[in-house]
Amino acid sequence: MKPWRVLAVFILAMVLLLFPLSAEAAKSSSSRFAGYKQMSNADFSGQTLIREEFTKVKLDKANFSNADLRGAVFNSAYLEKANLHGADFTNGIAYLVDFRDADLSDAIFTDTMLLYSTFDNVDITGTDFTNAVLDGPELKKLCARASGVNSKTGVSTRESLECS
């Protein structure tokens, strides 16, 4: 992991420890997608889901194509074979998320935290990962299959992942 990424993760952790969300802020967040729900094949395509939370949800084969997921949180979610083609997940968080066999092509993951998530056999053609925070082994997996240029940002996938 690049030193600036380690520093960014450390700073984020310190901010969250020193300035936790107030009970009022936590209460105002959405919880309609939380709690061991089975939502396989759900269709969220083209929807505005800004800052939504998907916690402990099974979303295999769900369709998030072209959805606005800016600032969304996926925590302990299962997105095997999900379609996120063209989705904007800028400033999002995906913690302990299984993206196995998912279509992430032409999506935007700029400034997104993707820690402890798995990306086995994903399509990342044209995906923009600029300033995304990934675990080292997952970054290597993604660099091995990185190709294309994002249609909205004009950034190449390899360049956004800082692949050597």
N, C-alpha and C. Protein backbone atom coordinates (compact mmCIF):
# COMPACT_ATOMS: atom_id res chain seq x y z
N MET A 1 0.86 -1.18 0.00
CA MET A 1 0.00 0.00 0.00
C MET A 1 0.90 1.23 0.00
N LYS A 2 0.56 2.21 -0.82
CA LYS A 2 1.33 3.44 -0.93
C LYS A 2 1.28 4.18 0.41
N PRO A 3 2.40 4.86 0.78
CA PRO A 3 2.44 5.55 2.08
C PRO A 3 1.31 6.57 2.25
N TRP A 4 0.93 7.29 1.20
CA TRP A 4 -0.14 8.29 1.35
C TRP A 4 -1.48 7.63 1.60
N ARG A 5 -1.67 6.41 1.09
CA ARG A 5 -2.92 5.69 1.34
C ARG A 5 -2.98 5.23 2.79
N VAL A 6 -1.85 4.76 3.31
CA VAL A 6 -1.80 4.35 4.71
C VAL A 6 -2.10 5.55 5.60
N LEU A 7 -1.52 6.70 5.24
CA LEU A 7 -1.76 7.92 6.00
C LEU A 7 -3.24 8.32 5.92
N ALA A 8 -3.84 8.21 4.74
CA ALA A 8 -5.26 8.57 4.58
C ALA A 8 -6.15 7.67 5.43
N VAL A 9 -5.87 6.38 5.43
CA VAL A 9 -6.66 5.44 6.25
C VAL A 9 -6.48 5.76 7.73
N PHE A 10 -5.25 6.05 8.14
CA PHE A 10 -4.98 6.38 9.54
C PHE A 10 -5.73 7.65 9.95
N ILE A 11 -5.69 8.68 9.10
CA ILE A 11 -6.37 9.93 9.41
C ILE A 11 -7.88 9.71 9.51
N LEU A 12 -8.45 8.95 8.57
CA LEU A 12 -9.88 8.66 8.62
C LEU A 12 -10.25 7.93 9.90
N ALA A 13 -9.45 6.95 10.28
CA ALA A 13 -9.71 6.20 11.51
C ALA A 13 -9.66 7.12 12.73
N MET A 14 -8.68 8.01 12.75
CA MET A 14 -8.55 8.93 13.89
C MET A 14 -9.74 9.89 13.95
N VAL A 15 -10.16 10.39 12.81
CA VAL A 15 -11.31 11.31 12.79
C VAL A 15 -12.55 10.61 13.31
N LEU A 16 -12.77 9.37 12.87
CA LEU A 16 -13.94 8.62 13.33
C LEU A 16 -13.87 8.30 14.82
N LEU A 17 -12.66 8.06 15.33
CA LEU A 17 -12.51 7.79 16.76
C LEU A 17 -12.70 9.05 17.60
N LEU A 18 -12.13 10.16 17.14
CA LEU A 18 -12.18 11.40 17.91
C LEU A 18 -13.49 12.15 17.76
N PHE A 19 -14.15 12.00 16.60
CA PHE A 19 -15.39 12.73 16.33
C PHE A 19 -16.46 11.77 15.83
N PRO A 20 -16.93 10.86 16.66
CA PRO A 20 -17.95 9.90 16.21
C PRO A 20 -19.24 10.62 15.86
N LEU A 21 -20.03 9.99 15.00
CA LEU A 21 -21.33 10.56 14.64
C LEU A 21 -22.21 10.68 15.88
N SER A 22 -22.94 11.75 15.94
CA SER A 22 -23.87 11.90 17.06
C SER A 22 -25.01 10.92 16.90
N ALA A 23 -25.73 10.68 17.96
CA ALA A 23 -26.87 9.77 17.90
C ALA A 23 -27.90 10.29 16.90
N GLU A 24 -28.08 11.59 16.81
CA GLU A 24 -29.04 12.18 15.88
C GLU A 24 -28.61 11.90 14.44
N ALA A 25 -27.32 12.03 14.14
CA ALA A 25 -26.83 11.77 12.78
C ALA A 25 -26.99 10.30 12.44
N ALA A 26 -26.71 9.44 13.37
CA ALA A 26 -26.85 8.01 13.13
C ALA A 26 -28.32 7.64 12.91
N LYS A 27 -29.20 8.30 13.66
CA LYS A 27 -30.62 8.01 13.56
C LYS A 27 -31.18 8.45 12.20
N SER A 28 -30.59 9.51 11.60
CA SER A 28 -31.12 10.03 10.36
C SER A 28 -30.67 9.23 9.14
N SER A 29 -29.71 8.34 9.30
CA SER A 29 -29.27 7.56 8.15
C SER A 29 -30.31 6.49 7.81
N SER A 30 -30.33 6.15 6.54
CA SER A 30 -31.33 5.19 6.07
C SER A 30 -31.00 3.79 6.57
N SER A 31 -32.02 3.03 6.88
CA SER A 31 -31.79 1.65 7.31
C SER A 31 -32.72 0.70 6.56
N ARG A 32 -33.29 1.17 5.45
CA ARG A 32 -34.25 0.31 4.76
C ARG A 32 -33.58 -0.86 4.06
N PHE A 33 -32.25 -0.87 3.97
CA PHE A 33 -31.53 -1.97 3.35
C PHE A 33 -30.62 -2.66 4.36
N ALA A 34 -31.02 -2.76 5.61
CA ALA A 34 -30.16 -3.33 6.64
C ALA A 34 -30.78 -4.57 7.25
N GLY A 35 -29.91 -5.48 7.66
CA GLY A 35 -30.36 -6.59 8.49
C GLY A 35 -30.68 -7.90 7.82
N TYR A 36 -29.69 -8.56 7.28
CA TYR A 36 -29.82 -9.92 6.75
C TYR A 36 -31.00 -10.10 5.79
N LYS A 37 -31.20 -9.12 4.93
CA LYS A 37 -32.27 -9.23 3.95
C LYS A 37 -31.81 -9.96 2.70
N GLN A 38 -32.68 -10.71 2.14
CA GLN A 38 -32.46 -11.40 0.88
C GLN A 38 -33.01 -10.50 -0.22
N MET A 39 -32.12 -9.91 -1.02
CA MET A 39 -32.56 -9.01 -2.09
C MET A 39 -31.94 -9.42 -3.41
N SER A 40 -31.80 -10.71 -3.63
CA SER A 40 -31.25 -11.21 -4.88
C SER A 40 -32.10 -10.72 -6.05
N ASN A 41 -31.44 -10.39 -7.15
CA ASN A 41 -32.09 -9.94 -8.38
C ASN A 41 -32.84 -8.62 -8.25
N ALA A 42 -32.63 -7.87 -7.18
CA ALA A 42 -33.29 -6.57 -7.01
C ALA A 42 -32.85 -5.61 -8.12
N ASP A 43 -33.74 -4.74 -8.55
CA ASP A 43 -33.43 -3.79 -9.62
C ASP A 43 -33.36 -2.37 -9.08
N PHE A 44 -32.12 -1.86 -8.98
CA PHE A 44 -31.87 -0.49 -8.54
C PHE A 44 -31.33 0.34 -9.71
N SER A 45 -31.44 -0.16 -10.92
CA SER A 45 -30.82 0.49 -12.08
C SER A 45 -31.34 1.92 -12.24
N GLY A 46 -30.38 2.83 -12.46
CA GLY A 46 -30.70 4.23 -12.70
C GLY A 46 -31.23 5.00 -11.51
N GLN A 47 -31.32 4.37 -10.34
CA GLN A 47 -31.89 5.04 -9.17
C GLN A 47 -30.88 5.95 -8.47
N THR A 48 -31.38 6.95 -7.79
CA THR A 48 -30.56 7.82 -6.96
C THR A 48 -30.57 7.23 -5.55
N LEU A 49 -29.40 6.73 -5.14
CA LEU A 49 -29.26 6.07 -3.84
C LEU A 49 -28.13 6.73 -3.04
N ILE A 50 -28.07 8.04 -3.11
CA ILE A 50 -27.00 8.79 -2.45
C ILE A 50 -27.05 8.56 -0.94
N ARG A 51 -25.91 8.17 -0.38
CA ARG A 51 -25.71 7.93 1.06
C ARG A 51 -26.60 6.83 1.64
N GLU A 52 -27.12 5.97 0.81
CA GLU A 52 -27.90 4.83 1.32
C GLU A 52 -26.96 3.83 1.98
N GLU A 53 -27.48 3.04 2.90
CA GLU A 53 -26.70 2.01 3.57
C GLU A 53 -27.27 0.64 3.23
N PHE A 54 -26.37 -0.25 2.85
CA PHE A 54 -26.73 -1.64 2.56
C PHE A 54 -25.90 -2.49 3.51
N THR A 55 -26.49 -2.89 4.61
CA THR A 55 -25.76 -3.60 5.65
C THR A 55 -26.31 -5.01 5.81
N LYS A 56 -25.40 -6.00 5.73
CA LYS A 56 -25.76 -7.41 5.89
C LYS A 56 -26.92 -7.79 4.97
N VAL A 57 -26.74 -7.46 3.68
CA VAL A 57 -27.77 -7.70 2.69
C VAL A 57 -27.22 -8.60 1.59
N LYS A 58 -28.03 -9.56 1.17
CA LYS A 58 -27.64 -10.43 0.07
C LYS A 58 -28.19 -9.83 -1.22
N LEU A 59 -27.30 -9.28 -2.04
CA LEU A 59 -27.68 -8.58 -3.26
C LEU A 59 -27.10 -9.28 -4.50
N ASP A 60 -26.98 -10.61 -4.46
CA ASP A 60 -26.43 -11.29 -5.63
C ASP A 60 -27.36 -11.08 -6.82
N LYS A 61 -26.74 -10.87 -7.95
CA LYS A 61 -27.43 -10.61 -9.22
C LYS A 61 -28.29 -9.35 -9.20
N ALA A 62 -28.08 -8.46 -8.22
CA ALA A 62 -28.82 -7.20 -8.19
C ALA A 62 -28.33 -6.29 -9.30
N ASN A 63 -29.20 -5.42 -9.79
CA ASN A 63 -28.86 -4.52 -10.87
C ASN A 63 -28.76 -3.09 -10.34
N PHE A 64 -27.52 -2.57 -10.28
CA PHE A 64 -27.25 -1.20 -9.89
C PHE A 64 -26.72 -0.42 -11.08
N SER A 65 -26.95 -0.89 -12.29
CA SER A 65 -26.38 -0.22 -13.47
C SER A 65 -26.85 1.23 -13.53
N ASN A 66 -25.86 2.11 -13.77
CA ASN A 66 -26.09 3.56 -13.89
C ASN A 66 -26.77 4.19 -12.67
N ALA A 67 -26.66 3.55 -11.51
CA ALA A 67 -27.23 4.10 -10.28
C ALA A 67 -26.29 5.15 -9.69
N ASP A 68 -26.85 6.11 -8.99
CA ASP A 68 -26.08 7.14 -8.30
C ASP A 68 -25.91 6.67 -6.86
N LEU A 69 -24.74 6.09 -6.58
CA LEU A 69 -24.43 5.54 -5.26
C LEU A 69 -23.40 6.39 -4.52
N ARG A 70 -23.31 7.67 -4.86
CA ARG A 70 -22.31 8.52 -4.22
C ARG A 70 -22.52 8.54 -2.70
N GLY A 71 -21.44 8.25 -1.98
CA GLY A 71 -21.49 8.26 -0.52
C GLY A 71 -22.22 7.07 0.09
N ALA A 72 -22.62 6.11 -0.72
CA ALA A 72 -23.33 4.93 -0.20
C ALA A 72 -22.37 4.05 0.60
N VAL A 73 -22.96 3.24 1.48
CA VAL A 73 -22.18 2.32 2.30
C VAL A 73 -22.71 0.90 2.10
N PHE A 74 -21.79 0.02 1.73
CA PHE A 74 -22.09 -1.41 1.68
C PHE A 74 -21.24 -2.05 2.76
N ASN A 75 -21.86 -2.65 3.75
CA ASN A 75 -21.14 -3.25 4.87
C ASN A 75 -21.58 -4.70 5.00
N SER A 76 -20.63 -5.61 4.88
CA SER A 76 -20.93 -7.05 4.98
C SER A 76 -22.03 -7.44 3.99
N ALA A 77 -21.90 -6.95 2.78
CA ALA A 77 -22.91 -7.23 1.76
C ALA A 77 -22.36 -8.24 0.74
N TYR A 78 -23.26 -8.94 0.13
CA TYR A 78 -22.93 -10.00 -0.82
C TYR A 78 -23.45 -9.55 -2.18
N LEU A 79 -22.53 -9.18 -3.10
CA LEU A 79 -22.92 -8.68 -4.42
C LEU A 79 -22.40 -9.57 -5.54
N GLU A 80 -22.40 -10.88 -5.32
CA GLU A 80 -21.93 -11.80 -6.36
C GLU A 80 -22.81 -11.65 -7.60
N LYS A 81 -22.15 -11.52 -8.75
CA LYS A 81 -22.79 -11.39 -10.06
C LYS A 81 -23.70 -10.16 -10.16
N ALA A 82 -23.47 -9.17 -9.31
CA ALA A 82 -24.24 -7.93 -9.38
C ALA A 82 -23.79 -7.10 -10.57
N ASN A 83 -24.68 -6.26 -11.07
CA ASN A 83 -24.38 -5.38 -12.20
C ASN A 83 -24.27 -3.95 -11.69
N LEU A 84 -23.03 -3.43 -11.67
CA LEU A 84 -22.80 -2.04 -11.29
C LEU A 84 -22.26 -1.25 -12.48
N HIS A 85 -22.53 -1.71 -13.69
CA HIS A 85 -22.04 -1.04 -14.90
C HIS A 85 -22.49 0.42 -14.90
N GLY A 86 -21.52 1.34 -15.00
CA GLY A 86 -21.81 2.76 -15.09
C GLY A 86 -22.27 3.41 -13.80
N ALA A 87 -22.26 2.68 -12.69
CA ALA A 87 -22.68 3.25 -11.41
C ALA A 87 -21.63 4.25 -10.90
N ASP A 88 -22.07 5.27 -10.19
CA ASP A 88 -21.17 6.25 -9.59
C ASP A 88 -21.15 6.01 -8.08
N PHE A 89 -20.04 5.42 -7.61
CA PHE A 89 -19.87 5.06 -6.20
C PHE A 89 -18.81 5.97 -5.56
N THR A 90 -18.71 7.20 -6.04
CA THR A 90 -17.75 8.17 -5.52
C THR A 90 -17.97 8.39 -4.03
N ASN A 91 -16.88 8.45 -3.28
CA ASN A 91 -16.90 8.70 -1.83
C ASN A 91 -17.68 7.64 -1.06
N GLY A 92 -17.82 6.47 -1.62
CA GLY A 92 -18.54 5.40 -0.95
C GLY A 92 -17.63 4.56 -0.06
N ILE A 93 -18.26 3.62 0.62
CA ILE A 93 -17.54 2.67 1.47
C ILE A 93 -18.09 1.28 1.18
N ALA A 94 -17.17 0.37 0.88
CA ALA A 94 -17.53 -1.04 0.74
C ALA A 94 -16.61 -1.81 1.68
N TYR A 95 -17.14 -2.25 2.79
CA TYR A 95 -16.38 -2.95 3.81
C TYR A 95 -16.90 -4.37 3.91
N LEU A 96 -16.01 -5.35 3.74
CA LEU A 96 -16.39 -6.76 3.78
C LEU A 96 -17.47 -7.08 2.75
N VAL A 97 -17.23 -6.65 1.52
CA VAL A 97 -18.19 -6.87 0.45
C VAL A 97 -17.62 -7.89 -0.54
N ASP A 98 -18.46 -8.82 -0.94
CA ASP A 98 -18.08 -9.83 -1.93
C ASP A 98 -18.60 -9.40 -3.29
N PHE A 99 -17.67 -8.94 -4.15
CA PHE A 99 -18.01 -8.52 -5.51
C PHE A 99 -17.74 -9.62 -6.53
N ARG A 100 -17.61 -10.85 -6.09
CA ARG A 100 -17.24 -11.95 -6.98
C ARG A 100 -18.13 -11.99 -8.23
N ASP A 101 -17.48 -12.08 -9.42
CA ASP A 101 -18.16 -12.20 -10.71
C ASP A 101 -19.06 -11.00 -11.03
N ALA A 102 -18.85 -9.86 -10.39
CA ALA A 102 -19.69 -8.68 -10.63
C ALA A 102 -19.22 -7.91 -11.85
N ASP A 103 -20.14 -7.18 -12.46
CA ASP A 103 -19.83 -6.29 -13.58
C ASP A 103 -19.66 -4.88 -13.01
N LEU A 104 -18.40 -4.44 -12.91
CA LEU A 104 -18.09 -3.11 -12.40
C LEU A 104 -17.63 -2.21 -13.55
N SER A 105 -17.85 -2.64 -14.77
CA SER A 105 -17.34 -1.91 -15.93
C SER A 105 -17.92 -0.49 -16.00
N ASP A 106 -17.04 0.44 -16.37
CA ASP A 106 -17.38 1.85 -16.57
C ASP A 106 -17.96 2.50 -15.32
N ALA A 107 -17.76 1.89 -14.15
CA ALA A 107 -18.23 2.47 -12.89
C ALA A 107 -17.19 3.46 -12.37
N ILE A 108 -17.60 4.29 -11.43
CA ILE A 108 -16.70 5.26 -10.83
C ILE A 108 -16.59 4.95 -9.33
N PHE A 109 -15.36 4.60 -8.92
CA PHE A 109 -15.07 4.29 -7.52
C PHE A 109 -14.07 5.32 -6.97
N THR A 110 -14.14 6.55 -7.43
CA THR A 110 -13.21 7.59 -7.01
C THR A 110 -13.39 7.90 -5.52
N ASP A 111 -12.26 7.96 -4.81
CA ASP A 111 -12.24 8.29 -3.37
C ASP A 111 -13.10 7.33 -2.54
N THR A 112 -13.15 6.08 -2.94
CA THR A 112 -13.96 5.08 -2.26
C THR A 112 -13.08 4.17 -1.40
N MET A 113 -13.56 3.83 -0.22
CA MET A 113 -12.87 2.89 0.67
C MET A 113 -13.40 1.49 0.36
N LEU A 114 -12.52 0.59 -0.06
CA LEU A 114 -12.93 -0.76 -0.47
C LEU A 114 -12.16 -1.79 0.35
N LEU A 115 -12.15 -1.63 1.64
CA LEU A 115 -11.33 -2.48 2.50
C LEU A 115 -12.01 -3.80 2.83
N TYR A 116 -11.20 -4.85 2.87
CA TYR A 116 -11.64 -6.21 3.17
C TYR A 116 -12.72 -6.71 2.22
N SER A 117 -12.74 -6.17 1.03
CA SER A 117 -13.68 -6.61 0.01
C SER A 117 -12.95 -7.47 -1.01
N THR A 118 -13.68 -8.39 -1.64
CA THR A 118 -13.05 -9.30 -2.61
C THR A 118 -13.57 -8.99 -4.02
N PHE A 119 -12.64 -9.12 -4.97
CA PHE A 119 -12.92 -8.78 -6.36
C PHE A 119 -12.51 -9.92 -7.29
N ASP A 120 -12.93 -11.14 -6.99
CA ASP A 120 -12.58 -12.29 -7.82
C ASP A 120 -13.40 -12.28 -9.11
N ASN A 121 -12.69 -12.36 -10.24
CA ASN A 121 -13.32 -12.50 -11.55
C ASN A 121 -14.31 -11.38 -11.87
N VAL A 122 -13.97 -10.14 -11.53
CA VAL A 122 -14.85 -9.01 -11.82
C VAL A 122 -14.48 -8.38 -13.17
N ASP A 123 -15.45 -7.74 -13.81
CA ASP A 123 -15.21 -6.99 -15.03
C ASP A 123 -15.00 -5.53 -14.63
N ILE A 124 -13.78 -5.03 -14.81
CA ILE A 124 -13.47 -3.64 -14.45
C ILE A 124 -13.04 -2.85 -15.68
N THR A 125 -13.50 -3.22 -16.84
CA THR A 125 -13.16 -2.50 -18.07
C THR A 125 -13.68 -1.07 -17.96
N GLY A 126 -12.75 -0.11 -18.00
CA GLY A 126 -13.14 1.30 -17.96
C GLY A 126 -13.55 1.82 -16.59
N THR A 127 -13.27 1.08 -15.54
CA THR A 127 -13.64 1.53 -14.19
C THR A 127 -12.61 2.51 -13.66
N ASP A 128 -13.06 3.58 -13.02
CA ASP A 128 -12.17 4.60 -12.46
C ASP A 128 -12.06 4.40 -10.95
N PHE A 129 -10.84 4.02 -10.50
CA PHE A 129 -10.56 3.80 -9.09
C PHE A 129 -9.67 4.90 -8.51
N THR A 130 -9.67 6.09 -9.07
CA THR A 130 -8.78 7.16 -8.63
C THR A 130 -8.94 7.41 -7.12
N ASN A 131 -7.83 7.34 -6.42
CA ASN A 131 -7.76 7.57 -4.96
C ASN A 131 -8.59 6.59 -4.14
N ALA A 132 -8.98 5.46 -4.71
CA ALA A 132 -9.68 4.43 -3.93
C ALA A 132 -8.68 3.73 -3.02
N VAL A 133 -9.15 3.28 -1.88
CA VAL A 133 -8.29 2.57 -0.93
C VAL A 133 -8.68 1.09 -0.98
N LEU A 134 -7.69 0.28 -1.39
CA LEU A 134 -7.89 -1.17 -1.56
C LEU A 134 -6.84 -1.93 -0.79
N ASP A 135 -7.15 -3.15 -0.42
CA ASP A 135 -6.16 -4.03 0.19
C ASP A 135 -5.17 -4.45 -0.89
N GLY A 136 -3.89 -4.60 -0.51
CA GLY A 136 -2.83 -4.94 -1.45
C GLY A 136 -3.10 -6.13 -2.35
N PRO A 137 -3.51 -7.30 -1.80
CA PRO A 137 -3.76 -8.46 -2.66
C PRO A 137 -4.89 -8.21 -3.66
N GLU A 138 -5.91 -7.48 -3.26
CA GLU A 138 -7.02 -7.19 -4.17
C GLU A 138 -6.58 -6.22 -5.27
N LEU A 139 -5.74 -5.26 -4.90
CA LEU A 139 -5.20 -4.32 -5.89
C LEU A 139 -4.42 -5.08 -6.96
N LYS A 140 -3.62 -6.05 -6.55
CA LYS A 140 -2.86 -6.86 -7.52
C LYS A 140 -3.80 -7.61 -8.45
N LYS A 141 -4.88 -8.18 -7.90
CA LYS A 141 -5.87 -8.89 -8.73
C LYS A 141 -6.48 -7.95 -9.75
N LEU A 142 -6.83 -6.75 -9.30
CA LEU A 142 -7.47 -5.80 -10.19
C LEU A 142 -6.50 -5.31 -11.27
N CYS A 143 -5.25 -5.08 -10.90
CA CYS A 143 -4.26 -4.64 -11.89
C CYS A 143 -4.04 -5.70 -12.97
N ALA A 144 -4.17 -6.97 -12.60
CA ALA A 144 -3.98 -8.05 -13.57
C ALA A 144 -5.05 -8.04 -14.66
N ARG A 145 -6.22 -7.45 -14.38
CA ARG A 145 -7.30 -7.44 -15.37
C ARG A 145 -7.72 -6.04 -15.80
N ALA A 146 -6.97 -5.01 -15.36
CA ALA A 146 -7.33 -3.63 -15.65
C ALA A 146 -7.13 -3.27 -17.12
N SER A 147 -8.18 -2.69 -17.72
CA SER A 147 -8.10 -2.21 -19.10
C SER A 147 -9.20 -1.18 -19.33
N GLY A 148 -9.07 -0.44 -20.38
CA GLY A 148 -10.12 0.50 -20.77
C GLY A 148 -10.01 1.86 -20.12
N VAL A 149 -10.90 2.74 -20.58
CA VAL A 149 -10.97 4.13 -20.11
C VAL A 149 -12.41 4.42 -19.72
N ASN A 150 -12.61 5.08 -18.59
CA ASN A 150 -13.95 5.39 -18.13
C ASN A 150 -14.59 6.43 -19.07
N SER A 151 -15.81 6.18 -19.49
CA SER A 151 -16.49 7.05 -20.45
C SER A 151 -16.86 8.41 -19.88
N LYS A 152 -17.01 8.52 -18.57
CA LYS A 152 -17.40 9.79 -17.96
C LYS A 152 -16.21 10.62 -17.50
N THR A 153 -15.21 9.95 -16.89
CA THR A 153 -14.06 10.69 -16.33
C THR A 153 -12.88 10.76 -17.29
N GLY A 154 -12.84 9.87 -18.28
CA GLY A 154 -11.72 9.85 -19.22
C GLY A 154 -10.44 9.28 -18.64
N VAL A 155 -10.52 8.64 -17.47
CA VAL A 155 -9.34 8.09 -16.79
C VAL A 155 -9.23 6.60 -17.10
N SER A 156 -8.01 6.15 -17.40
CA SER A 156 -7.82 4.73 -17.67
C SER A 156 -7.83 3.95 -16.38
N THR A 157 -8.35 2.74 -16.45
CA THR A 157 -8.44 1.88 -15.26
C THR A 157 -7.06 1.62 -14.68
N ARG A 158 -6.09 1.26 -15.53
CA ARG A 158 -4.73 0.98 -15.05
C ARG A 158 -4.13 2.20 -14.35
N GLU A 159 -4.33 3.37 -14.93
CA GLU A 159 -3.80 4.60 -14.36
C GLU A 159 -4.47 4.89 -13.00
N SER A 160 -5.78 4.70 -12.92
CA SER A 160 -6.49 5.00 -11.67
C SER A 160 -6.09 4.06 -10.54
N LEU A 161 -5.70 2.84 -10.89
CA LEU A 161 -5.24 1.87 -9.87
C LEU A 161 -3.75 2.01 -9.58
N GLU A 162 -3.07 2.88 -10.33
CA GLU A 162 -1.62 3.07 -10.21
C GLU A 162 -0.89 1.75 -10.42
N CYS A 163 -1.33 0.99 -11.40
CA CYS A 163 -0.68 -0.28 -11.74
C CYS A 163 0.67 0.02 -12.37
N SER A 164 1.68 -0.77 -12.03
CA SER A 164 3.01 -0.54 -12.61
C SER A 164 3.20 -1.32 -13.89
